PDB file of N, CA and C in Angstrom:
ATOM      1  N   MET A   1     131.938  97.296  92.911  1.00  0.00           N
ATOM      2  CA  MET A   1     132.386  97.900  94.153  1.00  0.00           C
ATOM      3  C   MET A   1     133.856  98.245  94.069  1.00  0.00           C
ATOM      4  N   GLY A   2     134.253  99.283  94.776  1.00  0.00           N
ATOM      5  CA  GLY A   2     135.645  99.689  94.785  1.00  0.00           C
ATOM      6  C   GLY A   2     136.456  98.886  95.783  1.00  0.00           C
ATOM      7  N   ALA A   3     137.755  99.024  95.682  1.00  0.00           N
ATOM      8  CA  ALA A   3     138.653  98.261  96.551  1.00  0.00           C
ATOM      9  C   ALA A   3     138.445  98.603  98.016  1.00  0.00           C
ATOM     10  N   SER A   4     138.229  99.870  98.358  1.00  0.00           N
ATOM     11  CA  SER A   4     138.060 100.220  99.765  1.00  0.00           C
ATOM     12  C   SER A   4     136.759  99.651 100.326  1.00  0.00           C
ATOM     13  N   SER A   5     135.742  99.533  99.502  1.00  0.00           N
ATOM     14  CA  SER A   5     134.494  98.914  99.923  1.00  0.00           C
ATOM     15  C   SER A   5     134.704  97.432 100.199  1.00  0.00           C
ATOM     16  N   GLU A   6     135.455  96.775  99.321  1.00  0.00           N
ATOM     17  CA  GLU A   6     135.788  95.366  99.524  1.00  0.00           C
ATOM     18  C   GLU A   6     136.581  95.208 100.822  1.00  0.00           C
ATOM     19  N   ASN A   7     137.540  96.098 101.061  1.00  0.00           N
ATOM     20  CA  ASN A   7     138.340  96.044 102.277  1.00  0.00           C
ATOM     21  C   ASN A   7     137.453  96.152 103.503  1.00  0.00           C
ATOM     22  N   SER A   8     136.570  97.126 103.491  1.00  0.00           N
ATOM     23  CA  SER A   8     135.689  97.378 104.621  1.00  0.00           C
ATOM     24  C   SER A   8     134.773  96.187 104.886  1.00  0.00           C
ATOM     25  N   GLU A   9     134.220  95.632 103.838  1.00  0.00           N
ATOM     26  CA  GLU A   9     133.341  94.470 103.995  1.00  0.00           C
ATOM     27  C   GLU A   9     134.100  93.275 104.550  1.00  0.00           C
ATOM     28  N   ALA A  10     135.320  93.068 104.072  1.00  0.00           N
ATOM     29  CA  ALA A  10     136.124  91.938 104.547  1.00  0.00           C
ATOM     30  C   ALA A  10     136.507  92.128 106.008  1.00  0.00           C
ATOM     31  N   VAL A  11     136.912  93.325 106.380  1.00  0.00           N
ATOM     32  CA  VAL A  11     137.262  93.601 107.781  1.00  0.00           C
ATOM     33  C   VAL A  11     136.048  93.371 108.676  1.00  0.00           C
ATOM     34  N   THR A  12     134.904  93.886 108.279  1.00  0.00           N
ATOM     35  CA  THR A  12     133.676  93.711 109.063  1.00  0.00           C
ATOM     36  C   THR A  12     133.340  92.232 109.221  1.00  0.00           C
ATOM     37  N   ALA A  13     133.436  91.485 108.150  1.00  0.00           N
ATOM     38  CA  ALA A  13     133.142  90.047 108.208  1.00  0.00           C
ATOM     39  C   ALA A  13     134.093  89.338 109.163  1.00  0.00           C
ATOM     40  N   LEU A  14     135.374  89.645 109.084  1.00  0.00           N
ATOM     41  CA  LEU A  14     136.346  88.987 109.958  1.00  0.00           C
ATOM     42  C   LEU A  14     136.131  89.358 111.426  1.00  0.00           C
ATOM     43  N   VAL A  15     135.788  90.606 111.685  1.00  0.00           N
ATOM     44  CA  VAL A  15     135.508  91.026 113.066  1.00  0.00           C
ATOM     45  C   VAL A  15     134.298  90.266 113.602  1.00  0.00           C
ATOM     46  N   ARG A  16     133.285  90.112 112.782  1.00  0.00           N
ATOM     47  CA  ARG A  16     132.095  89.364 113.202  1.00  0.00           C
ATOM     48  C   ARG A  16     132.406  87.888 113.435  1.00  0.00           C
ATOM     49  N   LEU A  17     133.476  87.407 112.805  1.00  0.00           N
ATOM     50  CA  LEU A  17     133.894  86.014 112.984  1.00  0.00           C
ATOM     51  C   LEU A  17     134.914  85.854 114.112  1.00  0.00           C
ATOM     52  N   GLY A  18     135.175  86.932 114.852  1.00  0.00           N
ATOM     53  CA  GLY A  18     136.008  86.819 116.040  1.00  0.00           C
ATOM     54  C   GLY A  18     137.375  87.476 115.985  1.00  0.00           C
ATOM     55  N   TYR A  19     137.734  88.060 114.862  1.00  0.00           N
ATOM     56  CA  TYR A  19     139.011  88.762 114.773  1.00  0.00           C
ATOM     57  C   TYR A  19     138.933  90.078 115.539  1.00  0.00           C
ATOM     58  N   LYS A  20     140.043  90.511 116.095  1.00  0.00           N
ATOM     59  CA  LYS A  20     140.144  91.867 116.616  1.00  0.00           C
ATOM     60  C   LYS A  20     140.226  92.786 115.404  1.00  0.00           C
ATOM     61  N   ASN A  21     139.725  94.002 115.531  1.00  0.00           N
ATOM     62  CA  ASN A  21     139.695  94.939 114.407  1.00  0.00           C
ATOM     63  C   ASN A  21     141.082  95.148 113.808  1.00  0.00           C
ATOM     64  N   ALA A  22     142.077  95.349 114.659  1.00  0.00           N
ATOM     65  CA  ALA A  22     143.439  95.581 114.155  1.00  0.00           C
ATOM     66  C   ALA A  22     143.948  94.364 113.394  1.00  0.00           C
ATOM     67  N   ASP A  23     143.697  93.162 113.920  1.00  0.00           N
ATOM     68  CA  ASP A  23     144.148  91.938 113.247  1.00  0.00           C
ATOM     69  C   ASP A  23     143.442  91.752 111.906  1.00  0.00           C
ATOM     70  N   ALA A  24     142.164  92.087 111.852  1.00  0.00           N
ATOM     71  CA  ALA A  24     141.406  91.973 110.608  1.00  0.00           C
ATOM     72  C   ALA A  24     141.958  92.931 109.559  1.00  0.00           C
ATOM     73  N   ASN A  25     142.242  94.155 109.964  1.00  0.00           N
ATOM     74  CA  ASN A  25     142.806  95.135 109.029  1.00  0.00           C
ATOM     75  C   ASN A  25     144.155  94.687 108.492  1.00  0.00           C
ATOM     76  N   ILE A  26     144.999  94.152 109.355  1.00  0.00           N
ATOM     77  CA  ILE A  26     146.318  93.672 108.930  1.00  0.00           C
ATOM     78  C   ILE A  26     146.173  92.512 107.956  1.00  0.00           C
ATOM     79  N   ALA A  27     145.294  91.561 108.289  1.00  0.00           N
ATOM     80  CA  ALA A  27     145.099  90.392 107.424  1.00  0.00           C
ATOM     81  C   ALA A  27     144.568  90.806 106.054  1.00  0.00           C
ATOM     82  N   VAL A  28     143.592  91.685 106.022  1.00  0.00           N
ATOM     83  CA  VAL A  28     143.005  92.127 104.760  1.00  0.00           C
ATOM     84  C   VAL A  28     144.049  92.845 103.909  1.00  0.00           C
ATOM     85  N   ALA A  29     144.805  93.744 104.512  1.00  0.00           N
ATOM     86  CA  ALA A  29     145.830  94.478 103.765  1.00  0.00           C
ATOM     87  C   ALA A  29     146.869  93.519 103.186  1.00  0.00           C
ATOM     88  N   ARG A  30     147.282  92.535 103.970  1.00  0.00           N
ATOM     89  CA  ARG A  30     148.288  91.584 103.514  1.00  0.00           C
ATOM     90  C   ARG A  30     147.771  90.726 102.366  1.00  0.00           C
ATOM     91  N   ILE A  31     146.534  90.262 102.492  1.00  0.00           N
ATOM     92  CA  ILE A  31     145.948  89.416 101.450  1.00  0.00           C
ATOM     93  C   ILE A  31     145.773  90.197 100.151  1.00  0.00           C
ATOM     94  N   ILE A  32     145.341  91.432 100.249  1.00  0.00           N
ATOM     95  CA  ILE A  32     145.196  92.263  99.051  1.00  0.00           C
ATOM     96  C   ILE A  32     146.559  92.511  98.403  1.00  0.00           C
ATOM     97  N   LYS A  33     147.576  92.712  99.221  1.00  0.00           N
ATOM     98  CA  LYS A  33     148.924  92.910  98.679  1.00  0.00           C
ATOM     99  C   LYS A  33     149.394  91.655  97.944  1.00  0.00           C
ATOM    100  N   GLU A  34     149.083  90.478  98.506  1.00  0.00           N
ATOM    101  CA  GLU A  34     149.497  89.214  97.896  1.00  0.00           C
ATOM    102  C   GLU A  34     148.694  88.877  96.642  1.00  0.00           C
ATOM    103  N   LYS A  35     147.379  89.078  96.684  1.00  0.00           N
ATOM    104  CA  LYS A  35     146.501  88.605  95.614  1.00  0.00           C
ATOM    105  C   LYS A  35     146.102  89.693  94.619  1.00  0.00           C
ATOM    106  N   GLY A  36     146.359  90.945  94.956  1.00  0.00           N
ATOM    107  CA  GLY A  36     146.004  92.039  94.061  1.00  0.00           C
ATOM    108  C   GLY A  36     144.733  92.744  94.496  1.00  0.00           C
ATOM    109  N   LYS A  37     144.579  93.958  94.002  1.00  0.00           N
ATOM    110  CA  LYS A  37     143.463  94.794  94.455  1.00  0.00           C
ATOM    111  C   LYS A  37     142.107  94.319  93.956  1.00  0.00           C
ATOM    112  N   ASP A  38     142.066  93.427  92.997  1.00  0.00           N
ATOM    113  CA  ASP A  38     140.787  92.954  92.462  1.00  0.00           C
ATOM    114  C   ASP A  38     140.245  91.712  93.173  1.00  0.00           C
ATOM    115  N   VAL A  39     140.897  91.289  94.248  1.00  0.00           N
ATOM    116  CA  VAL A  39     140.444  90.117  94.982  1.00  0.00           C
ATOM    117  C   VAL A  39     139.079  90.416  95.630  1.00  0.00           C
ATOM    118  N   SER A  40     138.196  89.420  95.635  1.00  0.00           N
ATOM    119  CA  SER A  40     136.844  89.623  96.168  1.00  0.00           C
ATOM    120  C   SER A  40     136.832  89.541  97.692  1.00  0.00           C
ATOM    121  N   THR A  41     135.791  90.096  98.273  1.00  0.00           N
ATOM    122  CA  THR A  41     135.600  90.010  99.717  1.00  0.00           C
ATOM    123  C   THR A  41     135.569  88.555 100.158  1.00  0.00           C
ATOM    124  N   GLN A  42     134.852  87.744  99.414  1.00  0.00           N
ATOM    125  CA  GLN A  42     134.747  86.312  99.749  1.00  0.00           C
ATOM    126  C   GLN A  42     136.128  85.659  99.778  1.00  0.00           C
ATOM    127  N   GLU A  43     136.945  85.952  98.799  1.00  0.00           N
ATOM    128  CA  GLU A  43     138.292  85.363  98.727  1.00  0.00           C
ATOM    129  C   GLU A  43     139.166  85.859  99.878  1.00  0.00           C
ATOM    130  N   ILE A  44     139.041  87.128 100.229  1.00  0.00           N
ATOM    131  CA  ILE A  44     139.817  87.679 101.349  1.00  0.00           C
ATOM    132  C   ILE A  44     139.452  86.956 102.642  1.00  0.00           C
ATOM    133  N   VAL A  45     138.157  86.851 102.908  1.00  0.00           N
ATOM    134  CA  VAL A  45     137.696  86.214 104.147  1.00  0.00           C
ATOM    135  C   VAL A  45     138.102  84.741 104.175  1.00  0.00           C
ATOM    136  N   LYS A  46     137.904  84.062 103.076  1.00  0.00           N
ATOM    137  CA  LYS A  46     138.263  82.644 102.984  1.00  0.00           C
ATOM    138  C   LYS A  46     139.760  82.441 103.245  1.00  0.00           C
ATOM    139  N   THR A  47     140.579  83.263 102.620  1.00  0.00           N
ATOM    140  CA  THR A  47     142.024  83.145 102.789  1.00  0.00           C
ATOM    141  C   THR A  47     142.430  83.428 104.236  1.00  0.00           C
ATOM    142  N   ALA A  48     141.865  84.469 104.815  1.00  0.00           N
ATOM    143  CA  ALA A  48     142.196  84.820 106.201  1.00  0.00           C
ATOM    144  C   ALA A  48     141.826  83.690 107.157  1.00  0.00           C
ATOM    145  N   LEU A  49     140.656  83.106 106.969  1.00  0.00           N
ATOM    146  CA  LEU A  49     140.229  82.014 107.850  1.00  0.00           C
ATOM    147  C   LEU A  49     141.102  80.767 107.664  1.00  0.00           C
ATOM    148  N   MET A  50     141.459  80.458 106.435  1.00  0.00           N
ATOM    149  CA  MET A  50     142.314  79.306 106.191  1.00  0.00           C
ATOM    150  C   MET A  50     143.687  79.509 106.811  1.00  0.00           C
ATOM    151  N   GLU A  51     144.217  80.721 106.718  1.00  0.00           N
ATOM    152  CA  GLU A  51     145.517  81.016 107.311  1.00  0.00           C
ATOM    153  C   GLU A  51     145.460  80.930 108.823  1.00  0.00           C
ATOM    154  N   ARG A  52     144.378  81.392 109.399  1.00  0.00           N
ATOM    155  CA  ARG A  52     144.248  81.335 110.865  1.00  0.00           C
ATOM    156  C   ARG A  52     144.199  79.889 111.341  1.00  0.00           C
ATOM    157  N   MET A  53     143.548  79.022 110.589  1.00  0.00           N
ATOM    158  CA  MET A  53     143.446  77.621 110.978  1.00  0.00           C
ATOM    159  C   MET A  53     144.801  76.937 110.925  1.00  0.00           C
ATOM    160  N   LYS A  54     145.696  77.401 110.043  1.00  0.00           N
ATOM    161  CA  LYS A  54     147.030  76.808 109.932  1.00  0.00           C
ATOM    162  C   LYS A  54     147.900  77.164 111.125  1.00  0.00           C
ATOM    163  N   ASN A  55     147.607  78.297 111.762  1.00  0.00           N
ATOM    164  CA  ASN A  55     148.450  78.778 112.871  1.00  0.00           C
ATOM    165  C   ASN A  55     147.976  78.325 114.200  1.00  0.00           C
TER     166      ASN A  55
END
């Protein structure tokens, strides 16, 4: 899968888990910037949820 597909899947997953669409997009973009474009959807979602729990 391409990076944009991974992005879309991660955003959709986060929205289904209660994120607002804009917040999900911001979180996904930030995580990809930090971890690189080859990060998996699972890793993006996991990281976003762990970060949310810290805040």
